[in-house]
Protein backbone atom coordinates (compact mmCIF):
# COMPACT_ATOMS: atom_id res chain seq x y z
CA MET A 1 0.00 0.00 0.00
CA ALA A 2 1.36 3.40 -0.96
CA ARG A 3 1.90 6.04 1.67
CA PRO A 4 -0.20 9.19 1.48
CA VAL A 5 1.73 12.10 0.00
CA PRO A 6 2.17 14.92 2.54
CA ARG A 7 0.31 18.14 1.85
CA LEU A 8 3.52 20.16 1.45
CA LEU A 9 4.82 17.74 -1.16
CA ARG A 10 1.49 17.90 -3.02
CA PHE A 11 1.81 21.70 -3.09
CA ALA A 12 5.41 21.34 -4.33
CA PHE A 13 4.22 18.91 -7.00
CA TRP A 14 1.52 21.26 -8.27
CA ALA A 15 3.81 24.31 -8.17
CA LEU A 16 6.51 22.55 -10.19
CA LEU A 17 4.04 20.98 -12.60
CA SER A 18 2.44 24.39 -13.19
CA VAL A 19 5.89 25.77 -14.11
CA SER A 20 6.20 23.10 -16.81
CA VAL A 21 2.69 23.82 -18.07
CA LEU A 22 3.35 27.58 -18.12
CA GLN A 23 6.59 27.08 -20.02
CA ALA A 24 4.94 24.74 -22.53
CA ALA A 25 2.14 27.27 -23.07
CA SER A 26 4.71 30.05 -23.45
CA LEU A 27 6.65 27.98 -25.98
CA VAL A 28 3.52 27.31 -28.04
CA TRP A 29 2.48 30.98 -27.82
CA GLY A 30 5.97 32.06 -28.85
CA LEU A 31 5.77 29.79 -31.87
CA VAL A 32 2.36 31.20 -32.84
CA VAL A 33 3.46 34.82 -32.71
CA PHE A 34 7.04 34.26 -33.92
CA ASP A 35 7.97 36.45 -36.88
CA PHE A 36 10.12 34.21 -39.09
CA ASP A 37 10.74 36.96 -41.63
CA ALA A 38 12.18 39.30 -38.99
CA TYR A 39 14.20 36.41 -37.51
CA LEU A 40 15.71 35.57 -40.89
CA ALA A 41 16.36 39.23 -41.70
CA GLU A 42 18.24 39.61 -38.42
CA THR A 43 20.20 36.34 -38.44
CA VAL A 44 21.09 35.81 -42.11
CA HIS A 45 24.13 37.96 -42.79
CA PRO A 46 27.83 37.77 -43.47
CA PHE A 47 30.30 38.20 -40.62
CA GLU A 48 34.01 37.97 -40.08
CA ARG A 49 35.74 35.63 -37.65
CA ASP A 50 39.48 35.17 -37.33
CA GLY A 51 40.00 37.12 -40.54
CA ARG A 52 37.69 34.85 -42.56
CA GLU A 53 34.46 35.96 -44.17
CA LEU A 54 31.58 33.68 -43.13
CA GLN A 55 27.88 33.62 -43.98
CA VAL A 56 24.84 32.57 -41.93
CA THR A 57 22.51 30.94 -44.44
CA PRO A 58 18.71 30.79 -44.15
CA GLU A 59 18.97 27.01 -43.74
CA LEU A 60 21.35 27.40 -40.83
CA ALA A 61 19.12 30.03 -39.22
CA VAL A 62 16.04 27.78 -39.52
CA ALA A 63 17.98 24.77 -38.23
CA THR A 64 19.13 26.79 -35.22
CA PHE A 65 15.55 27.77 -34.47
CA ILE A 66 14.30 24.18 -34.81
CA ILE A 67 17.07 22.82 -32.58
CA GLY A 68 16.31 25.44 -29.93
CA PHE A 69 12.60 24.66 -30.08
CA ALA A 70 13.21 20.90 -29.88
CA TRP A 71 15.62 21.33 -26.97
CA SER A 72 13.02 23.41 -25.11
CA LEU A 73 10.39 20.71 -25.67
CA ILE A 74 12.75 18.01 -24.40
CA VAL A 75 13.67 19.94 -21.25
CA ILE A 76 10.05 20.84 -20.47
CA GLY A 77 9.07 17.20 -21.02
CA LEU A 78 11.85 16.02 -18.68
CA ARG A 79 10.81 18.48 -16.00
CA ALA A 80 7.18 17.43 -16.25
CA SER A 81 8.04 13.70 -16.26
CA PHE A 82 10.29 13.91 -13.23
CA THR A 83 7.76 16.10 -11.43
CA LEU A 84 5.12 13.42 -11.99
CA ALA A 85 7.52 10.82 -10.61
CA LEU A 86 8.18 12.98 -7.54
CA ARG A 87 4.95 11.80 -5.91
CA GLN A 88 6.25 8.22 -5.85
CA GLY A 89 8.70 9.14 -3.10
CA ILE A 90 11.92 8.31 -4.95
CA ASN A 91 14.67 10.50 -3.52
CA TRP A 92 16.92 10.53 -6.60
CA VAL A 93 13.94 11.92 -8.55
CA ARG A 94 13.73 14.77 -6.04
CA ILE A 95 17.43 15.50 -6.61
CA VAL A 96 17.00 15.48 -10.41
CA VAL A 97 13.93 17.75 -10.11
CA THR A 98 15.95 20.14 -7.95
CA VAL A 99 18.69 20.33 -10.59
CA LEU A 100 16.29 20.62 -13.57
CA PHE A 101 14.26 23.37 -11.95
CA GLY A 102 17.23 25.02 -10.23
CA VAL A 103 18.64 25.81 -13.66
CA LEU A 104 15.59 28.05 -14.22
CA LEU A 105 16.84 30.32 -11.44
CA LEU A 106 20.12 31.05 -13.21
CA PRO A 107 20.54 34.12 -15.42
CA PRO A 108 20.18 35.37 -18.13
CA TYR A 109 16.60 36.54 -17.77
CA ASP A 110 14.50 37.88 -20.63
CA VAL A 111 13.63 41.45 -19.67
CA SER A 112 12.54 42.58 -23.12
CA SER A 113 9.02 43.45 -21.96
CA ILE A 114 7.03 43.83 -18.76
CA ASP A 115 5.03 40.75 -19.74
CA GLN A 116 8.19 38.66 -19.92
CA VAL A 117 9.43 40.03 -16.60
CA ALA A 118 6.10 39.16 -14.96
CA PHE A 119 6.22 35.68 -16.48
CA ASN A 120 9.79 35.16 -15.22
CA VAL A 121 8.81 36.29 -11.72
CA ILE A 122 5.85 33.88 -11.64
CA VAL A 123 8.02 31.00 -12.84
CA MET A 124 10.73 31.82 -10.30
CA VAL A 125 8.30 32.12 -7.37
CA LEU A 126 6.62 28.81 -8.25
CA THR A 127 10.01 27.15 -8.73
CA VAL A 128 11.45 28.36 -5.42
CA ALA A 129 8.25 27.44 -3.58
CA GLY A 130 8.08 23.98 -5.15
CA LEU A 131 11.73 23.19 -4.51
CA ALA A 132 11.65 24.51 -0.93
CA LEU A 133 8.49 22.55 -0.09
CA SER A 134 9.97 19.35 -1.50
CA TRP A 135 12.90 19.57 0.94
CA LEU A 136 11.04 20.46 4.17
CA PRO A 137 10.97 17.94 7.06
CA PRO A 138 7.53 16.40 6.25
CA SER A 139 8.70 15.77 2.67
CA ASN A 140 12.01 14.38 3.92
CA ALA A 141 10.13 11.99 6.22
CA PHE A 142 7.93 10.86 3.33
CA PHE A 143 10.93 10.09 1.11
CA ARG A 144 12.73 8.32 3.98
CA ASP A 145 9.67 6.23 4.91
CA THR A 146 8.91 5.40 1.28
CA LYS A 147 12.47 4.16 0.82
CA ARG A 148 12.17 2.05 3.98
CA ASP A 149 8.89 0.57 2.66
CA ARG A 150 10.48 -0.23 -0.71
CA ILE A 151 13.43 -1.97 0.96
CA ALA A 152 11.11 -3.95 3.22
CA HIS A 153 8.96 -4.97 0.24
CA LYS A 154 12.02 -6.16 -1.72
CA ALA A 155 13.29 -8.11 1.33
CA LYS A 156 9.88 -9.72 1.71
CA GLN A 157 9.88 -10.72 -1.96
CA LEU A 158 13.33 -12.33 -1.65
CA ASN A 159 12.38 -14.39 1.44
């Protein structure tokens, strides 16, 4: 029988999951309103490096955009997947979640508009709250007791 998840850990779970949902929605919205023409006009140009004349081609610019978009999807998917696994009481999942979400707190921050600043603040507050709640004593006890239950269940299976 599974242990009940403590209230603080449930709050942490929902805070961290909402960060992933917000980021996924932001990614989709960014794709909808993205101006490819302006992006290409800004990125496709010749430049000089180490005395050599180089050119950013439209294909390279589009590939860079696609790779960035795909990477964002992968990271958001990983965060959401590990957040869902957090409720199972596996401590290494909590450590991975801390690292994956902790990276969100590192600069640089997009401060191009007040909307983006507000979005960043919401994401940061939810991230800090979720991570802090997942490491408080009731959460620690849940992870410790769940590990003890798993070990006892494995020992019982082997006997």
